[in-house]
Amino acid sequence: MTATTTTTTTTKRTLAALGACCTPVGSAEFDEHDAAELAKGFAALADPVRLHLLSLVASTGTSGACVCDLIEPSGRSQPTVSHHLKVLREAGLVTSDKRGTWAWYHVVPGRLDQLRTALR
């Protein structure tokens, strides 16, 4: 046998073996729409300030965090903190409610679970 014949035979065997073992991966329940929706959450968390803010809000448990409580630990101004919290809210990672002049933020646990599940 020549080197070309050996290479061709080996290639055919490899392709045949791959064809026998390759089955579709993933889930039919996770489509492009789901991926786009999850990407919004991951994109919001890609910023270190927002990731830190989410961590701070999550650490408060069910009581939530007032914007005024997040200014000092984040080292950012109130408008900057509010902007980043707005991005997190639009990504569905936190919810907010008004109490007087301040907004209070709570983590959306189901949304974080979705992001965690997507990484498994």
N, C-alpha and C. Protein backbone atom coordinates (compact mmCIF):
# COMPACT_ATOMS: atom_id res chain seq x y z
N MET A 1 0.83 -1.17 0.00
CA MET A 1 0.00 0.00 0.00
C MET A 1 0.88 1.24 0.00
N THR A 2 0.41 2.26 -0.68
CA THR A 2 1.15 3.51 -0.73
C THR A 2 0.72 4.40 0.44
N ALA A 3 1.45 5.45 0.65
CA ALA A 3 1.12 6.38 1.74
C ALA A 3 -0.23 7.03 1.49
N THR A 4 -0.55 7.35 0.23
CA THR A 4 -1.83 7.97 -0.11
C THR A 4 -2.98 7.02 0.18
N THR A 5 -2.84 5.76 -0.16
CA THR A 5 -3.89 4.77 0.09
C THR A 5 -4.11 4.60 1.58
N THR A 6 -3.03 4.54 2.35
CA THR A 6 -3.13 4.39 3.80
C THR A 6 -3.85 5.58 4.41
N THR A 7 -3.50 6.79 3.97
CA THR A 7 -4.13 8.00 4.47
C THR A 7 -5.62 8.01 4.12
N THR A 8 -5.97 7.66 2.90
CA THR A 8 -7.36 7.62 2.47
C THR A 8 -8.14 6.60 3.27
N THR A 9 -7.59 5.43 3.48
CA THR A 9 -8.25 4.38 4.25
C THR A 9 -8.46 4.83 5.69
N THR A 10 -7.45 5.43 6.28
CA THR A 10 -7.55 5.94 7.65
C THR A 10 -8.60 7.03 7.75
N THR A 11 -8.63 7.92 6.79
CA THR A 11 -9.63 9.00 6.77
C THR A 11 -11.03 8.43 6.68
N LYS A 12 -11.25 7.44 5.81
CA LYS A 12 -12.57 6.81 5.66
C LYS A 12 -12.99 6.15 6.97
N ARG A 13 -12.08 5.47 7.64
CA ARG A 13 -12.41 4.82 8.91
C ARG A 13 -12.78 5.86 9.97
N THR A 14 -12.01 6.94 10.00
CA THR A 14 -12.28 8.00 10.98
C THR A 14 -13.65 8.62 10.72
N LEU A 15 -13.95 8.92 9.49
CA LEU A 15 -15.26 9.51 9.15
C LEU A 15 -16.38 8.54 9.45
N ALA A 16 -16.19 7.27 9.18
CA ALA A 16 -17.21 6.27 9.48
C ALA A 16 -17.45 6.18 10.98
N ALA A 17 -16.36 6.21 11.74
CA ALA A 17 -16.49 6.15 13.20
C ALA A 17 -17.20 7.38 13.74
N LEU A 18 -16.88 8.54 13.19
CA LEU A 18 -17.55 9.76 13.63
C LEU A 18 -19.04 9.73 13.29
N GLY A 19 -19.37 9.26 12.14
CA GLY A 19 -20.77 9.18 11.72
C GLY A 19 -21.57 8.26 12.62
N ALA A 20 -20.94 7.23 13.12
CA ALA A 20 -21.63 6.27 13.96
C ALA A 20 -21.86 6.82 15.37
N CYS A 21 -21.02 7.72 15.82
CA CYS A 21 -21.13 8.17 17.20
C CYS A 21 -21.74 9.56 17.34
N CYS A 22 -21.85 10.30 16.29
CA CYS A 22 -22.30 11.68 16.40
C CYS A 22 -23.82 11.76 16.45
N THR A 23 -24.31 12.20 17.57
CA THR A 23 -25.74 12.43 17.73
C THR A 23 -25.93 13.90 18.04
N PRO A 24 -27.06 14.45 17.71
CA PRO A 24 -27.30 15.86 18.00
C PRO A 24 -27.16 16.13 19.50
N VAL A 25 -26.58 17.29 19.83
CA VAL A 25 -26.43 17.68 21.23
C VAL A 25 -27.36 18.83 21.53
N GLY A 26 -27.54 19.08 22.80
CA GLY A 26 -28.37 20.19 23.20
C GLY A 26 -29.79 19.75 23.46
N SER A 27 -30.63 20.73 23.59
CA SER A 27 -32.02 20.50 23.92
C SER A 27 -32.91 21.23 22.94
N ALA A 28 -33.95 20.57 22.53
CA ALA A 28 -34.92 21.20 21.64
C ALA A 28 -35.67 22.30 22.38
N GLU A 29 -35.59 22.28 23.72
CA GLU A 29 -36.27 23.28 24.53
C GLU A 29 -35.48 24.58 24.64
N PHE A 30 -34.24 24.60 24.17
CA PHE A 30 -33.38 25.78 24.23
C PHE A 30 -33.08 26.22 22.81
N ASP A 31 -33.79 27.24 22.34
CA ASP A 31 -33.64 27.68 20.96
C ASP A 31 -32.92 29.03 20.88
N GLU A 32 -32.88 29.59 19.69
CA GLU A 32 -32.18 30.86 19.50
C GLU A 32 -32.82 32.00 20.28
N HIS A 33 -34.14 31.99 20.40
CA HIS A 33 -34.84 33.02 21.18
C HIS A 33 -34.39 32.96 22.63
N ASP A 34 -34.34 31.74 23.18
CA ASP A 34 -33.88 31.56 24.57
C ASP A 34 -32.44 32.05 24.71
N ALA A 35 -31.62 31.72 23.74
CA ALA A 35 -30.21 32.14 23.79
C ALA A 35 -30.10 33.66 23.76
N ALA A 36 -30.90 34.31 22.94
CA ALA A 36 -30.87 35.77 22.86
C ALA A 36 -31.32 36.40 24.17
N GLU A 37 -32.32 35.82 24.78
CA GLU A 37 -32.82 36.32 26.06
C GLU A 37 -31.78 36.15 27.17
N LEU A 38 -31.15 35.00 27.20
CA LEU A 38 -30.11 34.78 28.21
C LEU A 38 -28.90 35.67 27.97
N ALA A 39 -28.60 35.94 26.71
CA ALA A 39 -27.46 36.79 26.37
C ALA A 39 -27.63 38.19 26.96
N LYS A 40 -28.86 38.67 27.04
CA LYS A 40 -29.11 39.99 27.65
C LYS A 40 -28.67 39.99 29.11
N GLY A 41 -28.99 38.91 29.81
CA GLY A 41 -28.58 38.81 31.20
C GLY A 41 -27.09 38.72 31.35
N PHE A 42 -26.45 37.89 30.53
CA PHE A 42 -24.99 37.76 30.60
C PHE A 42 -24.30 39.06 30.20
N ALA A 43 -24.86 39.77 29.22
CA ALA A 43 -24.27 41.04 28.79
C ALA A 43 -24.34 42.06 29.93
N ALA A 44 -25.44 42.08 30.65
CA ALA A 44 -25.57 43.01 31.78
C ALA A 44 -24.54 42.68 32.85
N LEU A 45 -24.26 41.41 33.05
CA LEU A 45 -23.30 41.00 34.08
C LEU A 45 -21.85 41.10 33.62
N ALA A 46 -21.63 41.39 32.36
CA ALA A 46 -20.27 41.48 31.84
C ALA A 46 -19.55 42.74 32.33
N ASP A 47 -20.28 43.66 32.90
CA ASP A 47 -19.68 44.88 33.43
C ASP A 47 -19.36 44.66 34.92
N PRO A 48 -18.13 44.92 35.34
CA PRO A 48 -17.74 44.68 36.73
C PRO A 48 -18.58 45.47 37.75
N VAL A 49 -18.95 46.70 37.42
CA VAL A 49 -19.76 47.51 38.34
C VAL A 49 -21.12 46.86 38.53
N ARG A 50 -21.75 46.42 37.44
CA ARG A 50 -23.07 45.79 37.56
C ARG A 50 -22.99 44.46 38.29
N LEU A 51 -21.96 43.70 38.03
CA LEU A 51 -21.78 42.43 38.73
C LEU A 51 -21.63 42.67 40.23
N HIS A 52 -20.87 43.69 40.59
CA HIS A 52 -20.69 44.04 42.00
C HIS A 52 -22.02 44.51 42.60
N LEU A 53 -22.74 45.35 41.89
CA LEU A 53 -24.03 45.83 42.39
C LEU A 53 -25.02 44.68 42.59
N LEU A 54 -25.04 43.75 41.64
CA LEU A 54 -25.94 42.60 41.78
C LEU A 54 -25.56 41.79 43.01
N SER A 55 -24.29 41.63 43.25
CA SER A 55 -23.81 40.91 44.43
C SER A 55 -24.25 41.62 45.71
N LEU A 56 -24.14 42.93 45.72
CA LEU A 56 -24.56 43.71 46.89
C LEU A 56 -26.06 43.57 47.13
N VAL A 57 -26.84 43.67 46.07
CA VAL A 57 -28.30 43.54 46.21
C VAL A 57 -28.65 42.13 46.67
N ALA A 58 -28.00 41.13 46.10
CA ALA A 58 -28.28 39.74 46.47
C ALA A 58 -27.95 39.48 47.94
N SER A 59 -26.93 40.15 48.45
CA SER A 59 -26.52 39.92 49.84
C SER A 59 -27.54 40.44 50.85
N THR A 60 -28.47 41.27 50.40
CA THR A 60 -29.48 41.81 51.32
C THR A 60 -30.65 40.86 51.51
N GLY A 61 -30.69 39.79 50.74
CA GLY A 61 -31.79 38.83 50.86
C GLY A 61 -33.10 39.42 50.41
N THR A 62 -34.16 39.08 51.11
CA THR A 62 -35.49 39.51 50.70
C THR A 62 -35.78 40.96 51.04
N SER A 63 -34.96 41.57 51.91
CA SER A 63 -35.23 42.96 52.29
C SER A 63 -34.91 43.94 51.17
N GLY A 64 -34.03 43.56 50.26
CA GLY A 64 -33.68 44.43 49.15
C GLY A 64 -32.69 45.50 49.56
N ALA A 65 -32.27 46.28 48.59
CA ALA A 65 -31.30 47.34 48.84
C ALA A 65 -31.78 48.64 48.23
N CYS A 66 -31.63 49.68 49.00
CA CYS A 66 -31.94 51.03 48.53
C CYS A 66 -30.75 51.53 47.72
N VAL A 67 -31.03 52.32 46.72
CA VAL A 67 -29.96 52.90 45.92
C VAL A 67 -28.97 53.64 46.83
N CYS A 68 -29.50 54.33 47.83
CA CYS A 68 -28.63 55.09 48.73
C CYS A 68 -27.66 54.19 49.49
N ASP A 69 -28.03 52.92 49.71
CA ASP A 69 -27.15 51.98 50.40
C ASP A 69 -26.06 51.42 49.49
N LEU A 70 -26.20 51.60 48.19
CA LEU A 70 -25.26 51.02 47.23
C LEU A 70 -24.20 52.01 46.75
N ILE A 71 -24.39 53.28 47.06
CA ILE A 71 -23.48 54.31 46.56
C ILE A 71 -22.08 54.15 47.15
N GLU A 72 -21.98 54.12 48.47
CA GLU A 72 -20.66 54.03 49.11
C GLU A 72 -19.93 52.73 48.79
N PRO A 73 -20.58 51.55 48.95
CA PRO A 73 -19.83 50.32 48.67
C PRO A 73 -19.41 50.17 47.21
N SER A 74 -20.15 50.78 46.29
CA SER A 74 -19.79 50.67 44.87
C SER A 74 -18.73 51.69 44.48
N GLY A 75 -18.59 52.76 45.29
CA GLY A 75 -17.63 53.80 44.96
C GLY A 75 -18.05 54.63 43.76
N ARG A 76 -19.34 54.64 43.47
CA ARG A 76 -19.87 55.38 42.32
C ARG A 76 -20.88 56.42 42.79
N SER A 77 -21.18 57.37 41.93
CA SER A 77 -22.18 58.39 42.26
C SER A 77 -23.58 57.80 42.14
N GLN A 78 -24.54 58.50 42.73
CA GLN A 78 -25.93 58.02 42.69
C GLN A 78 -26.45 57.88 41.26
N PRO A 79 -26.20 58.85 40.36
CA PRO A 79 -26.67 58.67 38.99
C PRO A 79 -26.04 57.46 38.30
N THR A 80 -24.76 57.21 38.58
CA THR A 80 -24.09 56.05 37.97
C THR A 80 -24.67 54.75 38.49
N VAL A 81 -24.88 54.68 39.80
CA VAL A 81 -25.48 53.48 40.40
C VAL A 81 -26.87 53.26 39.81
N SER A 82 -27.66 54.33 39.73
CA SER A 82 -29.01 54.20 39.18
C SER A 82 -28.98 53.73 37.73
N HIS A 83 -28.02 54.22 36.95
CA HIS A 83 -27.90 53.78 35.56
C HIS A 83 -27.63 52.28 35.48
N HIS A 84 -26.66 51.82 36.26
CA HIS A 84 -26.31 50.40 36.22
C HIS A 84 -27.45 49.53 36.73
N LEU A 85 -28.17 50.00 37.73
CA LEU A 85 -29.32 49.23 38.22
C LEU A 85 -30.42 49.18 37.17
N LYS A 86 -30.56 50.24 36.41
CA LYS A 86 -31.54 50.25 35.31
C LYS A 86 -31.19 49.18 34.28
N VAL A 87 -29.92 49.05 33.94
CA VAL A 87 -29.48 48.02 32.99
C VAL A 87 -29.78 46.63 33.56
N LEU A 88 -29.51 46.43 34.83
CA LEU A 88 -29.82 45.13 35.47
C LEU A 88 -31.32 44.87 35.47
N ARG A 89 -32.11 45.91 35.70
CA ARG A 89 -33.58 45.76 35.69
C ARG A 89 -34.07 45.41 34.29
N GLU A 90 -33.54 46.09 33.27
CA GLU A 90 -33.96 45.82 31.89
C GLU A 90 -33.56 44.42 31.44
N ALA A 91 -32.51 43.88 32.04
CA ALA A 91 -32.08 42.52 31.73
C ALA A 91 -32.86 41.49 32.54
N GLY A 92 -33.76 41.96 33.40
CA GLY A 92 -34.59 41.06 34.19
C GLY A 92 -33.89 40.45 35.39
N LEU A 93 -32.77 41.03 35.79
CA LEU A 93 -32.01 40.47 36.92
C LEU A 93 -32.45 41.02 38.26
N VAL A 94 -33.00 42.23 38.26
CA VAL A 94 -33.52 42.82 39.49
C VAL A 94 -34.87 43.47 39.21
N THR A 95 -35.63 43.65 40.27
CA THR A 95 -36.87 44.42 40.20
C THR A 95 -36.71 45.61 41.14
N SER A 96 -37.55 46.59 40.99
CA SER A 96 -37.47 47.75 41.87
C SER A 96 -38.86 48.20 42.28
N ASP A 97 -38.89 48.85 43.44
CA ASP A 97 -40.12 49.50 43.87
C ASP A 97 -39.74 50.81 44.55
N LYS A 98 -40.60 51.80 44.41
CA LYS A 98 -40.36 53.12 44.97
C LYS A 98 -40.84 53.15 46.42
N ARG A 99 -39.99 53.67 47.28
CA ARG A 99 -40.35 53.91 48.68
C ARG A 99 -39.92 55.34 48.98
N GLY A 100 -40.87 56.22 48.97
CA GLY A 100 -40.54 57.63 49.13
C GLY A 100 -39.80 58.13 47.91
N THR A 101 -38.65 58.73 48.13
CA THR A 101 -37.88 59.27 47.01
C THR A 101 -36.85 58.28 46.48
N TRP A 102 -36.68 57.15 47.15
CA TRP A 102 -35.66 56.18 46.76
C TRP A 102 -36.26 54.93 46.15
N ALA A 103 -35.50 54.31 45.29
CA ALA A 103 -35.90 53.03 44.69
C ALA A 103 -35.17 51.92 45.44
N TRP A 104 -35.89 50.83 45.70
CA TRP A 104 -35.34 49.66 46.36
C TRP A 104 -35.28 48.53 45.35
N TYR A 105 -34.20 47.80 45.38
CA TYR A 105 -33.96 46.75 44.38
C TYR A 105 -33.89 45.37 45.04
N HIS A 106 -34.43 44.39 44.32
CA HIS A 106 -34.44 42.99 44.75
C HIS A 106 -33.98 42.13 43.58
N VAL A 107 -33.22 41.11 43.88
CA VAL A 107 -32.78 40.16 42.86
C VAL A 107 -33.97 39.31 42.44
N VAL A 108 -34.02 38.96 41.16
CA VAL A 108 -35.03 38.04 40.63
C VAL A 108 -34.40 36.64 40.64
N PRO A 109 -34.72 35.83 41.66
CA PRO A 109 -34.04 34.53 41.79
C PRO A 109 -34.24 33.62 40.58
N GLY A 110 -35.42 33.59 40.03
CA GLY A 110 -35.68 32.73 38.87
C GLY A 110 -34.80 33.07 37.68
N ARG A 111 -34.54 34.35 37.52
CA ARG A 111 -33.70 34.79 36.39
C ARG A 111 -32.25 34.34 36.60
N LEU A 112 -31.76 34.45 37.82
CA LEU A 112 -30.40 33.98 38.10
C LEU A 112 -30.30 32.47 37.91
N ASP A 113 -31.36 31.76 38.28
CA ASP A 113 -31.39 30.31 38.07
C ASP A 113 -31.30 29.97 36.59
N GLN A 114 -31.99 30.76 35.75
CA GLN A 114 -31.94 30.52 34.31
C GLN A 114 -30.51 30.66 33.78
N LEU A 115 -29.81 31.68 34.26
CA LEU A 115 -28.43 31.90 33.80
C LEU A 115 -27.52 30.76 34.28
N ARG A 116 -27.72 30.36 35.54
CA ARG A 116 -26.93 29.24 36.06
C ARG A 116 -27.16 27.97 35.27
N THR A 117 -28.41 27.68 34.98
CA THR A 117 -28.77 26.47 34.25
C THR A 117 -28.16 26.46 32.84
N ALA A 118 -28.13 27.63 32.21
CA ALA A 118 -27.58 27.72 30.86
C ALA A 118 -26.09 27.37 30.82
N LEU A 119 -25.42 27.52 31.94
CA LEU A 119 -23.97 27.26 32.00
C LEU A 119 -23.65 25.79 32.32
N ARG A 120 -24.64 25.02 32.62
CA ARG A 120 -24.40 23.61 32.95
C ARG A 120 -24.32 22.77 31.73
